[in-house]
């Protein structure tokens, strides 16, 4: 089974129990002074099936996540999934356009990998 790596923001989830389906390799909390503005970030490994479950569990307001395995990237938005090659930015256009329509700032649609 092919495993993908990604980061899931706990606050983006309708039901955070879906995190139980992933292998969690790291966890951190952002350092905002206001506790209500802090994000809980989980670095995870999981299968495409795990990722598809998260897509149906994302809150509708401006959230997305992306996962990668080498050059293969899966970007998920609420109930929508895109696959593309990280090395070929021309394959990113559908995911970027969809993210813009949801109101996600352009600078956040950079699909960073390690």
PDB file of N, CA and C in Angstrom:
ATOM      1  N   UNK A   1       0.833  -1.172   0.000  1.00  0.00           N
ATOM      2  CA  UNK A   1       0.000   0.000   0.000  1.00  0.00           C
ATOM      3  C   UNK A   1       0.887   1.247   0.000  1.00  0.00           C
ATOM      4  N   UNK A   2       0.606   2.162  -0.910  1.00  0.00           N
ATOM      5  CA  UNK A   2       1.363   3.399  -1.021  1.00  0.00           C
ATOM      6  C   UNK A   2       0.939   4.355   0.082  1.00  0.00           C
ATOM      7  N   UNK A   3       1.926   4.881   0.825  1.00  0.00           N
ATOM      8  CA  UNK A   3       1.625   5.816   1.905  1.00  0.00           C
ATOM      9  C   UNK A   3       2.045   7.222   1.505  1.00  0.00           C
ATOM     10  N   UNK A   4       1.194   8.159   1.854  1.00  0.00           N
ATOM     11  CA  UNK A   4       1.427   9.570   1.603  1.00  0.00           C
ATOM     12  C   UNK A   4       1.683  10.279   2.923  1.00  0.00           C
ATOM     13  N   UNK A   5       2.493  11.332   2.872  1.00  0.00           N
ATOM     14  CA  UNK A   5       2.767  12.157   4.043  1.00  0.00           C
ATOM     15  C   UNK A   5       2.016  13.475   3.888  1.00  0.00           C
ATOM     16  N   UNK A   6       1.560  14.016   4.988  1.00  0.00           N
ATOM     17  CA  UNK A   6       0.896  15.308   4.939  1.00  0.00           C
ATOM     18  C   UNK A   6       0.709  15.877   6.325  1.00  0.00           C
ATOM     19  N   UNK A   7       0.142  17.066   6.380  1.00  0.00           N
ATOM     20  CA  UNK A   7      -0.181  17.710   7.645  1.00  0.00           C
ATOM     21  C   UNK A   7      -1.673  17.977   7.685  1.00  0.00           C
ATOM     22  N   UNK A   8      -2.283  17.606   8.784  1.00  0.00           N
ATOM     23  CA  UNK A   8      -3.708  17.855   8.979  1.00  0.00           C
ATOM     24  C   UNK A   8      -3.866  18.819  10.149  1.00  0.00           C
ATOM     25  N   UNK A   9      -4.618  19.879   9.934  1.00  0.00           N
ATOM     26  CA  UNK A   9      -4.931  20.844  10.981  1.00  0.00           C
ATOM     27  C   UNK A   9      -6.201  20.352  11.676  1.00  0.00           C
ATOM     28  N   UNK A  10      -6.089  20.067  12.962  1.00  0.00           N
ATOM     29  CA  UNK A  10      -7.221  19.517  13.703  1.00  0.00           C
ATOM     30  C   UNK A  10      -8.453  20.423  13.589  1.00  0.00           C
ATOM     31  N   UNK A  11      -8.251  21.721  13.605  1.00  0.00           N
ATOM     32  CA  UNK A  11      -9.365  22.666  13.556  1.00  0.00           C
ATOM     33  C   UNK A  11     -10.089  22.653  12.207  1.00  0.00           C
ATOM     34  N   UNK A  12      -9.502  22.033  11.196  1.00  0.00           N
ATOM     35  CA  UNK A  12     -10.139  21.959   9.871  1.00  0.00           C
ATOM     36  C   UNK A  12     -11.156  20.829   9.776  1.00  0.00           C
ATOM     37  N   UNK A  13     -11.192  19.970  10.784  1.00  0.00           N
ATOM     38  CA  UNK A  13     -11.991  18.746  10.715  1.00  0.00           C
ATOM     39  C   UNK A  13     -13.352  18.879  11.392  1.00  0.00           C
ATOM     40  N   UNK A  14     -14.348  18.302  10.765  1.00  0.00           N
ATOM     41  CA  UNK A  14     -15.673  18.204  11.365  1.00  0.00           C
ATOM     42  C   UNK A  14     -15.613  17.238  12.546  1.00  0.00           C
ATOM     43  N   UNK A  15     -14.958  16.109  12.337  1.00  0.00           N
ATOM     44  CA  UNK A  15     -14.825  15.074  13.370  1.00  0.00           C
ATOM     45  C   UNK A  15     -13.366  14.621  13.378  1.00  0.00           C
ATOM     46  N   UNK A  16     -12.634  14.981  14.417  1.00  0.00           N
ATOM     47  CA  UNK A  16     -11.198  14.695  14.436  1.00  0.00           C
ATOM     48  C   UNK A  16     -10.864  13.233  14.712  1.00  0.00           C
ATOM     49  N   UNK A  17     -11.865  12.395  14.896  1.00  0.00           N
ATOM     50  CA  UNK A  17     -11.575  10.963  15.088  1.00  0.00           C
ATOM     51  C   UNK A  17     -10.988  10.336  13.825  1.00  0.00           C
ATOM     52  N   UNK A  18     -11.134  10.993  12.672  1.00  0.00           N
ATOM     53  CA  UNK A  18     -10.533  10.449  11.444  1.00  0.00           C
ATOM     54  C   UNK A  18      -9.005  10.417  11.542  1.00  0.00           C
ATOM     55  N   UNK A  19      -8.427  11.181  12.462  1.00  0.00           N
ATOM     56  CA  UNK A  19      -6.976  11.135  12.667  1.00  0.00           C
ATOM     57  C   UNK A  19      -6.519   9.760  13.128  1.00  0.00           C
ATOM     58  N   UNK A  20      -7.420   8.995  13.734  1.00  0.00           N
ATOM     59  CA  UNK A  20      -7.085   7.649  14.197  1.00  0.00           C
ATOM     60  C   UNK A  20      -6.733   6.704  13.055  1.00  0.00           C
ATOM     61  N   UNK A  21      -7.127   7.042  11.830  1.00  0.00           N
ATOM     62  CA  UNK A  21      -6.834   6.197  10.676  1.00  0.00           C
ATOM     63  C   UNK A  21      -5.418   6.392  10.142  1.00  0.00           C
ATOM     64  N   UNK A  22      -4.697   7.358  10.677  1.00  0.00           N
ATOM     65  CA  UNK A  22      -3.360   7.699  10.189  1.00  0.00           C
ATOM     66  C   UNK A  22      -2.287   7.303  11.193  1.00  0.00           C
ATOM     67  N   UNK A  23      -1.086   7.123  10.671  1.00  0.00           N
ATOM     68  CA  UNK A  23       0.107   6.997  11.510  1.00  0.00           C
ATOM     69  C   UNK A  23       0.577   8.423  11.777  1.00  0.00           C
ATOM     70  N   UNK A  24       0.563   8.854  13.020  1.00  0.00           N
ATOM     71  CA  UNK A  24       0.948  10.218  13.372  1.00  0.00           C
ATOM     72  C   UNK A  24       2.435  10.225  13.721  1.00  0.00           C
ATOM     73  N   UNK A  25       3.210  11.023  12.986  1.00  0.00           N
ATOM     74  CA  UNK A  25       4.656  11.050  13.220  1.00  0.00           C
ATOM     75  C   UNK A  25       5.105  12.293  13.975  1.00  0.00           C
ATOM     76  N   UNK A  26       4.258  13.327  14.009  1.00  0.00           N
ATOM     77  CA  UNK A  26       4.641  14.549  14.709  1.00  0.00           C
ATOM     78  C   UNK A  26       3.377  15.329  15.048  1.00  0.00           C
ATOM     79  N   UNK A  27       3.472  16.138  16.088  1.00  0.00           N
ATOM     80  CA  UNK A  27       2.366  16.985  16.504  1.00  0.00           C
ATOM     81  C   UNK A  27       2.945  18.278  17.042  1.00  0.00           C
ATOM     82  N   UNK A  28       2.313  19.400  16.682  1.00  0.00           N
ATOM     83  CA  UNK A  28       2.733  20.670  17.264  1.00  0.00           C
ATOM     84  C   UNK A  28       1.544  21.619  17.305  1.00  0.00           C
ATOM     85  N   UNK A  29       1.653  22.616  18.168  1.00  0.00           N
ATOM     86  CA  UNK A  29       0.634  23.641  18.318  1.00  0.00           C
ATOM     87  C   UNK A  29       1.269  24.970  17.930  1.00  0.00           C
ATOM     88  N   UNK A  30       0.564  25.746  17.105  1.00  0.00           N
ATOM     89  CA  UNK A  30       1.103  27.054  16.729  1.00  0.00           C
ATOM     90  C   UNK A  30       1.190  27.941  17.968  1.00  0.00           C
ATOM     91  N   UNK A  31       1.983  28.990  17.886  1.00  0.00           N
ATOM     92  CA  UNK A  31       2.348  29.779  19.071  1.00  0.00           C
ATOM     93  C   UNK A  31       1.548  31.072  19.238  1.00  0.00           C
ATOM     94  N   UNK A  32       0.401  31.183  18.620  1.00  0.00           N
ATOM     95  CA  UNK A  32      -0.396  32.398  18.741  1.00  0.00           C
ATOM     96  C   UNK A  32      -0.674  32.702  20.218  1.00  0.00           C
ATOM     97  N   UNK A  33      -0.602  33.959  20.593  1.00  0.00           N
ATOM     98  CA  UNK A  33      -0.852  34.346  21.982  1.00  0.00           C
ATOM     99  C   UNK A  33      -2.281  34.043  22.421  1.00  0.00           C
ATOM    100  N   UNK A  34      -3.220  34.167  21.519  1.00  0.00           N
ATOM    101  CA  UNK A  34      -4.620  33.898  21.822  1.00  0.00           C
ATOM    102  C   UNK A  34      -4.894  32.406  21.606  1.00  0.00           C
ATOM    103  N   UNK A  35      -5.221  31.670  22.656  1.00  0.00           N
ATOM    104  CA  UNK A  35      -5.446  30.224  22.511  1.00  0.00           C
ATOM    105  C   UNK A  35      -6.499  29.868  21.461  1.00  0.00           C
ATOM    106  N   UNK A  36      -7.472  30.742  21.237  1.00  0.00           N
ATOM    107  CA  UNK A  36      -8.509  30.455  20.242  1.00  0.00           C
ATOM    108  C   UNK A  36      -7.983  30.503  18.815  1.00  0.00           C
ATOM    109  N   UNK A  37      -6.824  31.130  18.610  1.00  0.00           N
ATOM    110  CA  UNK A  37      -6.235  31.235  17.267  1.00  0.00           C
ATOM    111  C   UNK A  37      -5.154  30.190  17.005  1.00  0.00           C
ATOM    112  N   UNK A  38      -4.887  29.327  17.977  1.00  0.00           N
ATOM    113  CA  UNK A  38      -3.848  28.304  17.811  1.00  0.00           C
ATOM    114  C   UNK A  38      -4.386  27.141  16.985  1.00  0.00           C
ATOM    115  N   UNK A  39      -3.491  26.598  16.163  1.00  0.00           N
ATOM    116  CA  UNK A  39      -3.821  25.410  15.375  1.00  0.00           C
ATOM    117  C   UNK A  39      -3.054  24.226  15.937  1.00  0.00           C
ATOM    118  N   UNK A  40      -3.670  23.052  15.885  1.00  0.00           N
ATOM    119  CA  UNK A  40      -3.052  21.790  16.286  1.00  0.00           C
ATOM    120  C   UNK A  40      -2.723  21.033  15.003  1.00  0.00           C
ATOM    121  N   UNK A  41      -1.434  20.891  14.729  1.00  0.00           N
ATOM    122  CA  UNK A  41      -0.948  20.341  13.455  1.00  0.00           C
ATOM    123  C   UNK A  41      -0.417  18.931  13.646  1.00  0.00           C
ATOM    124  N   UNK A  42      -0.966  17.998  12.879  1.00  0.00           N
ATOM    125  CA  UNK A  42      -0.544  16.604  12.927  1.00  0.00           C
ATOM    126  C   UNK A  42       0.158  16.258  11.618  1.00  0.00           C
ATOM    127  N   UNK A  43       1.404  15.826  11.698  1.00  0.00           N
ATOM    128  CA  UNK A  43       2.099  15.275  10.538  1.00  0.00           C
ATOM    129  C   UNK A  43       1.759  13.796  10.506  1.00  0.00           C
ATOM    130  N   UNK A  44       1.232  13.354   9.366  1.00  0.00           N
ATOM    131  CA  UNK A  44       0.681  12.000   9.294  1.00  0.00           C
ATOM    132  C   UNK A  44       1.169  11.260   8.058  1.00  0.00           C
ATOM    133  N   UNK A  45       1.025   9.941   8.111  1.00  0.00           N
ATOM    134  CA  UNK A  45       1.218   9.058   6.969  1.00  0.00           C
ATOM    135  C   UNK A  45      -0.055   8.244   6.808  1.00  0.00           C
ATOM    136  N   UNK A  46      -0.525   8.123   5.563  1.00  0.00           N
ATOM    137  CA  UNK A  46      -1.730   7.334   5.338  1.00  0.00           C
ATOM    138  C   UNK A  46      -1.919   6.980   3.886  1.00  0.00           C
ATOM    139  N   UNK A  47      -2.873   6.126   3.651  1.00  0.00           N
ATOM    140  CA  UNK A  47      -3.183   5.659   2.300  1.00  0.00           C
ATOM    141  C   UNK A  47      -4.113   6.644   1.591  1.00  0.00           C
ATOM    142  N   UNK A  48      -4.286   6.447   0.300  1.00  0.00           N
ATOM    143  CA  UNK A  48      -5.216   7.280  -0.462  1.00  0.00           C
ATOM    144  C   UNK A  48      -6.625   7.139   0.110  1.00  0.00           C
ATOM    145  N   UNK A  49      -6.986   5.968   0.567  1.00  0.00           N
ATOM    146  CA  UNK A  49      -8.309   5.747   1.156  1.00  0.00           C
ATOM    147  C   UNK A  49      -8.477   6.583   2.431  1.00  0.00           C
ATOM    148  N   UNK A  50      -7.445   6.645   3.267  1.00  0.00           N
ATOM    149  CA  UNK A  50      -7.492   7.489   4.469  1.00  0.00           C
ATOM    150  C   UNK A  50      -7.689   8.956   4.079  1.00  0.00           C
ATOM    151  N   UNK A  51      -6.966   9.377   3.058  1.00  0.00           N
ATOM    152  CA  UNK A  51      -7.022  10.767   2.604  1.00  0.00           C
ATOM    153  C   UNK A  51      -8.412  11.100   2.074  1.00  0.00           C
ATOM    154  N   UNK A  52      -9.015  10.185   1.342  1.00  0.00           N
ATOM    155  CA  UNK A  52     -10.363  10.413   0.813  1.00  0.00           C
ATOM    156  C   UNK A  52     -11.368  10.594   1.944  1.00  0.00           C
ATOM    157  N   UNK A  53     -11.196   9.874   3.047  1.00  0.00           N
ATOM    158  CA  UNK A  53     -12.091  10.025   4.207  1.00  0.00           C
ATOM    159  C   UNK A  53     -11.961  11.424   4.809  1.00  0.00           C
ATOM    160  N   UNK A  54     -10.747  11.946   4.833  1.00  0.00           N
ATOM    161  CA  UNK A  54     -10.545  13.291   5.383  1.00  0.00           C
ATOM    162  C   UNK A  54     -11.230  14.329   4.490  1.00  0.00           C
ATOM    163  N   UNK A  55     -11.197  14.130   3.178  1.00  0.00           N
ATOM    164  CA  UNK A  55     -11.836  15.082   2.258  1.00  0.00           C
ATOM    165  C   UNK A  55     -13.320  15.237   2.565  1.00  0.00           C
ATOM    166  N   UNK A  56     -13.967  14.163   2.985  1.00  0.00           N
ATOM    167  CA  UNK A  56     -15.389  14.248   3.316  1.00  0.00           C
ATOM    168  C   UNK A  56     -15.609  14.748   4.744  1.00  0.00           C
ATOM    169  N   UNK A  57     -14.515  15.036   5.439  1.00  0.00           N
ATOM    170  CA  UNK A  57     -14.588  15.453   6.834  1.00  0.00           C
ATOM    171  C   UNK A  57     -14.046  16.866   7.049  1.00  0.00           C
ATOM    172  N   UNK A  58     -13.658  17.553   5.966  1.00  0.00           N
ATOM    173  CA  UNK A  58     -13.138  18.916   6.098  1.00  0.00           C
ATOM    174  C   UNK A  58     -14.290  19.908   6.227  1.00  0.00           C
ATOM    175  N   UNK A  59     -14.095  20.898   7.075  1.00  0.00           N
ATOM    176  CA  UNK A  59     -15.070  21.976   7.200  1.00  0.00           C
ATOM    177  C   UNK A  59     -15.098  22.772   5.898  1.00  0.00           C
ATOM    178  N   UNK A  60     -16.246  23.312   5.577  1.00  0.00           N
ATOM    179  CA  UNK A  60     -16.436  23.984   4.288  1.00  0.00           C
ATOM    180  C   UNK A  60     -15.721  25.325   4.181  1.00  0.00           C
ATOM    181  N   UNK A  61     -15.406  25.958   5.278  1.00  0.00           N
ATOM    182  CA  UNK A  61     -14.877  27.307   5.191  1.00  0.00           C
ATOM    183  C   UNK A  61     -13.356  27.355   5.047  1.00  0.00           C
ATOM    184  N   UNK A  62     -12.903  27.448   3.826  1.00  0.00           N
ATOM    185  CA  UNK A  62     -11.505  27.756   3.485  1.00  0.00           C
ATOM    186  C   UNK A  62     -10.461  26.786   4.018  1.00  0.00           C
ATOM    187  N   UNK A  63     -10.760  25.515   4.066  1.00  0.00           N
ATOM    188  CA  UNK A  63      -9.778  24.532   4.517  1.00  0.00           C
ATOM    189  C   UNK A  63      -9.391  23.599   3.375  1.00  0.00           C
ATOM    190  N   UNK A  64      -8.155  23.165   3.405  1.00  0.00           N
ATOM    191  CA  UNK A  64      -7.676  22.117   2.507  1.00  0.00           C
ATOM    192  C   UNK A  64      -6.467  21.468   3.151  1.00  0.00           C
ATOM    193  N   UNK A  65      -6.058  20.361   2.596  1.00  0.00           N
ATOM    194  CA  UNK A  65      -4.827  19.697   3.024  1.00  0.00           C
ATOM    195  C   UNK A  65      -4.211  19.062   1.789  1.00  0.00           C
ATOM    196  N   UNK A  66      -2.929  18.788   1.861  1.00  0.00           N
ATOM    197  CA  UNK A  66      -2.308  18.058   0.753  1.00  0.00           C
ATOM    198  C   UNK A  66      -1.325  17.043   1.314  1.00  0.00           C
ATOM    199  N   UNK A  67      -1.120  16.006   0.518  1.00  0.00           N
ATOM    200  CA  UNK A  67      -0.300  14.860   0.900  1.00  0.00           C
ATOM    201  C   UNK A  67       0.585  14.513  -0.282  1.00  0.00           C
ATOM    202  N   UNK A  68       1.744  13.935  -0.013  1.00  0.00           N
ATOM    203  CA  UNK A  68       2.660  13.617  -1.091  1.00  0.00           C
ATOM    204  C   UNK A  68       3.399  12.318  -0.819  1.00  0.00           C
ATOM    205  N   UNK A  69       3.803  11.716  -1.929  1.00  0.00           N
ATOM    206  CA  UNK A  69       4.678  10.556  -1.921  1.00  0.00           C
ATOM    207  C   UNK A  69       5.588  10.757  -3.115  1.00  0.00           C
ATOM    208  N   UNK A  70       6.803  11.202  -2.844  1.00  0.00           N
ATOM    209  CA  UNK A  70       7.701  11.554  -3.937  1.00  0.00           C
ATOM    210  C   UNK A  70       7.117  12.717  -4.716  1.00  0.00           C
ATOM    211  N   UNK A  71       6.958  12.545  -6.024  1.00  0.00           N
ATOM    212  CA  UNK A  71       6.451  13.593  -6.895  1.00  0.00           C
ATOM    213  C   UNK A  71       4.916  13.599  -6.968  1.00  0.00           C
ATOM    214  N   UNK A  72       4.277  12.574  -6.442  1.00  0.00           N
ATOM    215  CA  UNK A  72       2.820  12.461  -6.498  1.00  0.00           C
ATOM    216  C   UNK A  72       2.189  13.238  -5.343  1.00  0.00           C
ATOM    217  N   UNK A  73       1.250  14.119  -5.682  1.00  0.00           N
ATOM    218  CA  UNK A  73       0.580  14.955  -4.689  1.00  0.00           C
ATOM    219  C   UNK A  73      -0.922  14.738  -4.787  1.00  0.00           C
ATOM    220  N   UNK A  74      -1.573  14.686  -3.622  1.00  0.00           N
ATOM    221  CA  UNK A  74      -3.023  14.669  -3.535  1.00  0.00           C
ATOM    222  C   UNK A  74      -3.425  15.886  -2.717  1.00  0.00           C
ATOM    223  N   UNK A  75      -4.205  16.777  -3.309  1.00  0.00           N
ATOM    224  CA  UNK A  75      -4.750  17.927  -2.592  1.00  0.00           C
ATOM    225  C   UNK A  75      -6.224  17.668  -2.349  1.00  0.00           C
ATOM    226  N   UNK A  76      -6.661  17.850  -1.104  1.00  0.00           N
ATOM    227  CA  UNK A  76      -8.063  17.623  -0.782  1.00  0.00           C
ATOM    228  C   UNK A  76      -8.704  18.907  -0.276  1.00  0.00           C
ATOM    229  N   UNK A  77      -9.899  19.110  -0.724  1.00  0.00           N
ATOM    230  CA  UNK A  77     -10.755  20.203  -0.295  1.00  0.00           C
ATOM    231  C   UNK A  77     -12.041  19.547   0.194  1.00  0.00           C
ATOM    232  N   UNK A  78     -12.942  20.290   0.816  1.00  0.00           N
ATOM    233  CA  UNK A  78     -14.176  19.655   1.262  1.00  0.00           C
ATOM    234  C   UNK A  78     -14.869  18.899   0.112  1.00  0.00           C
ATOM    235  N   UNK A  79     -14.905  17.582   0.222  1.00  0.00           N
ATOM    236  CA  UNK A  79     -15.559  16.697  -0.750  1.00  0.00           C
ATOM    237  C   UNK A  79     -14.990  16.784  -2.160  1.00  0.00           C
ATOM    238  N   UNK A  80     -13.711  17.172  -2.292  1.00  0.00           N
ATOM    239  CA  UNK A  80     -13.084  17.273  -3.619  1.00  0.00           C
ATOM    240  C   UNK A  80     -11.618  16.874  -3.490  1.00  0.00           C
ATOM    241  N   UNK A  81     -11.115  16.145  -4.487  1.00  0.00           N
ATOM    242  CA  UNK A  81      -9.751  15.639  -4.460  1.00  0.00           C
ATOM    243  C   UNK A  81      -9.094  15.888  -5.812  1.00  0.00           C
ATOM    244  N   UNK A  82      -7.837  16.325  -5.793  1.00  0.00           N
ATOM    245  CA  UNK A  82      -7.048  16.537  -7.004  1.00  0.00           C
ATOM    246  C   UNK A  82      -5.727  15.790  -6.867  1.00  0.00           C
ATOM    247  N   UNK A  83      -5.260  15.179  -7.927  1.00  0.00           N
ATOM    248  CA  UNK A  83      -3.941  14.556  -7.951  1.00  0.00           C
ATOM    249  C   UNK A  83      -3.115  15.246  -9.027  1.00  0.00           C
ATOM    250  N   UNK A  84      -1.828  15.439  -8.742  1.00  0.00           N
ATOM    251  CA  UNK A  84      -0.950  16.082  -9.712  1.00  0.00           C
ATOM    252  C   UNK A  84       0.501  15.774  -9.383  1.00  0.00           C
ATOM    253  N   UNK A  85       1.382  16.203 -10.270  1.00  0.00           N
ATOM    254  CA  UNK A  85       2.826  16.018 -10.097  1.00  0.00           C
ATOM    255  C   UNK A  85       3.436  17.301  -9.536  1.00  0.00           C
ATOM    256  N   UNK A  86       4.139  17.191  -8.436  1.00  0.00           N
ATOM    257  CA  UNK A  86       4.736  18.367  -7.812  1.00  0.00           C
ATOM    258  C   UNK A  86       5.740  19.038  -8.741  1.00  0.00           C
ATOM    259  N   UNK A  87       6.456  18.266  -9.517  1.00  0.00           N
ATOM    260  CA  UNK A  87       7.498  18.811 -10.393  1.00  0.00           C
ATOM    261  C   UNK A  87       6.943  19.522 -11.627  1.00  0.00           C
ATOM    262  N   UNK A  88       5.656  19.356 -11.920  1.00  0.00           N
ATOM    263  CA  UNK A  88       5.044  19.958 -13.107  1.00  0.00           C
ATOM    264  C   UNK A  88       3.932  20.903 -12.679  1.00  0.00           C
ATOM    265  N   UNK A  89       4.280  22.170 -12.485  1.00  0.00           N
ATOM    266  CA  UNK A  89       3.308  23.141 -11.969  1.00  0.00           C
ATOM    267  C   UNK A  89       2.116  23.329 -12.888  1.00  0.00           C
ATOM    268  N   UNK A  90       2.224  22.943 -14.143  1.00  0.00           N
ATOM    269  CA  UNK A  90       1.062  23.060 -15.040  1.00  0.00           C
ATOM    270  C   UNK A  90      -0.049  22.097 -14.615  1.00  0.00           C
ATOM    271  N   UNK A  91       0.293  21.059 -13.845  1.00  0.00           N
ATOM    272  CA  UNK A  91      -0.718  20.101 -13.392  1.00  0.00           C
ATOM    273  C   UNK A  91      -1.424  20.572 -12.113  1.00  0.00           C
ATOM    274  N   UNK A  92      -0.966  21.677 -11.545  1.00  0.00           N
ATOM    275  CA  UNK A  92      -1.546  22.209 -10.316  1.00  0.00           C
ATOM    276  C   UNK A  92      -2.779  23.066 -10.568  1.00  0.00           C
ATOM    277  N   UNK A  93      -2.998  23.504 -11.795  1.00  0.00           N
ATOM    278  CA  UNK A  93      -3.961  24.575 -12.082  1.00  0.00           C
ATOM    279  C   UNK A  93      -5.383  24.289 -11.609  1.00  0.00           C
ATOM    280  N   UNK A  94      -5.881  23.079 -11.775  1.00  0.00           N
ATOM    281  CA  UNK A  94      -7.251  22.781 -11.343  1.00  0.00           C
ATOM    282  C   UNK A  94      -7.394  22.911  -9.827  1.00  0.00           C
ATOM    283  N   UNK A  95      -6.410  22.418  -9.085  1.00  0.00           N
ATOM    284  CA  UNK A  95      -6.455  22.504  -7.630  1.00  0.00           C
ATOM    285  C   UNK A  95      -6.356  23.959  -7.169  1.00  0.00           C
ATOM    286  N   UNK A  96      -5.481  24.734  -7.788  1.00  0.00           N
ATOM    287  CA  UNK A  96      -5.336  26.144  -7.417  1.00  0.00           C
ATOM    288  C   UNK A  96      -6.617  26.911  -7.718  1.00  0.00           C
ATOM    289  N   UNK A  97      -7.186  26.697  -8.882  1.00  0.00           N
ATOM    290  CA  UNK A  97      -8.422  27.382  -9.251  1.00  0.00           C
ATOM    291  C   UNK A  97      -9.555  27.041  -8.281  1.00  0.00           C
ATOM    292  N   UNK A  98      -9.669  25.778  -7.924  1.00  0.00           N
ATOM    293  CA  UNK A  98     -10.711  25.360  -6.987  1.00  0.00           C
ATOM    294  C   UNK A  98     -10.492  26.005  -5.614  1.00  0.00           C
ATOM    295  N   UNK A  99      -9.250  26.025  -5.159  1.00  0.00           N
ATOM    296  CA  UNK A  99      -8.937  26.658  -3.883  1.00  0.00           C
ATOM    297  C   UNK A  99      -9.265  28.140  -3.880  1.00  0.00           C
ATOM    298  N   UNK A 100      -8.971  28.821  -4.966  1.00  0.00           N
ATOM    299  CA  UNK A 100      -9.315  30.242  -5.081  1.00  0.00           C
ATOM    300  C   UNK A 100     -10.821  30.446  -4.950  1.00  0.00           C
ATOM    301  N   UNK A 101     -11.598  29.580  -5.601  1.00  0.00           N
ATOM    302  CA  UNK A 101     -13.063  29.689  -5.537  1.00  0.00           C
ATOM    303  C   UNK A 101     -13.578  29.537  -4.108  1.00  0.00           C
ATOM    304  N   UNK A 102     -12.855  28.782  -3.294  1.00  0.00           N
ATOM    305  CA  UNK A 102     -13.240  28.612  -1.891  1.00  0.00           C
ATOM    306  C   UNK A 102     -12.776  29.779  -1.019  1.00  0.00           C
ATOM    307  N   UNK A 103     -11.980  30.682  -1.604  1.00  0.00           N
ATOM    308  CA  UNK A 103     -11.488  31.824  -0.849  1.00  0.00           C
ATOM    309  C   UNK A 103     -10.172  31.581  -0.136  1.00  0.00           C
ATOM    310  N   UNK A 104      -9.469  30.523  -0.523  1.00  0.00           N
ATOM    311  CA  UNK A 104      -8.159  30.244   0.075  1.00  0.00           C
ATOM    312  C   UNK A 104      -7.143  31.192  -0.558  1.00  0.00           C
ATOM    313  N   UNK A 105      -6.371  31.916   0.260  1.00  0.00           N
ATOM    314  CA  UNK A 105      -5.384  32.850  -0.300  1.00  0.00           C
ATOM    315  C   UNK A 105      -4.371  32.133  -1.200  1.00  0.00           C
ATOM    316  N   UNK A 106      -4.008  32.789  -2.266  1.00  0.00           N
ATOM    317  CA  UNK A 106      -3.076  32.246  -3.265  1.00  0.00           C
ATOM    318  C   UNK A 106      -1.783  31.735  -2.626  1.00  0.00           C
ATOM    319  N   UNK A 107      -1.237  32.493  -1.661  1.00  0.00           N
ATOM    320  CA  UNK A 107       0.039  32.094  -1.055  1.00  0.00           C
ATOM    321  C   UNK A 107      -0.075  30.809  -0.241  1.00  0.00           C
ATOM    322  N   UNK A 108      -1.292  30.412   0.116  1.00  0.00           N
ATOM    323  CA  UNK A 108      -1.474  29.158   0.848  1.00  0.00           C
ATOM    324  C   UNK A 108      -1.651  27.965  -0.090  1.00  0.00           C
ATOM    325  N   UNK A 109      -1.777  28.217  -1.372  1.00  0.00           N
ATOM    326  CA  UNK A 109      -1.938  27.136  -2.351  1.00  0.00           C
ATOM    327  C   UNK A 109      -0.594  26.814  -2.991  1.00  0.00           C
ATOM    328  N   UNK A 110       0.432  26.676  -2.168  1.00  0.00           N
ATOM    329  CA  UNK A 110       1.790  26.440  -2.656  1.00  0.00           C
ATOM    330  C   UNK A 110       2.189  24.968  -2.597  1.00  0.00           C
ATOM    331  N   UNK A 111       1.391  24.122  -1.938  1.00  0.00           N
ATOM    332  CA  UNK A 111       1.585  22.682  -1.906  1.00  0.00           C
ATOM    333  C   UNK A 111       3.028  22.287  -1.578  1.00  0.00           C
ATOM    334  N   UNK A 112       3.525  22.834  -0.485  1.00  0.00           N
ATOM    335  CA  UNK A 112       4.898  22.542  -0.065  1.00  0.00           C
ATOM    336  C   UNK A 112       5.064  21.073   0.308  1.00  0.00           C
ATOM    337  N   UNK A 113       6.199  20.528  -0.071  1.00  0.00           N
ATOM    338  CA  UNK A 113       6.610  19.187   0.344  1.00  0.00           C
ATOM    339  C   UNK A 113       8.017  19.331   0.922  1.00  0.00           C
ATOM    340  N   UNK A 114       8.517  18.253   1.447  1.00  0.00           N
ATOM    341  CA  UNK A 114       9.854  18.314   2.041  1.00  0.00           C
ATOM    342  C   UNK A 114      10.924  18.131   1.001  1.00  0.00           C
TER     343      UNK A 114
END
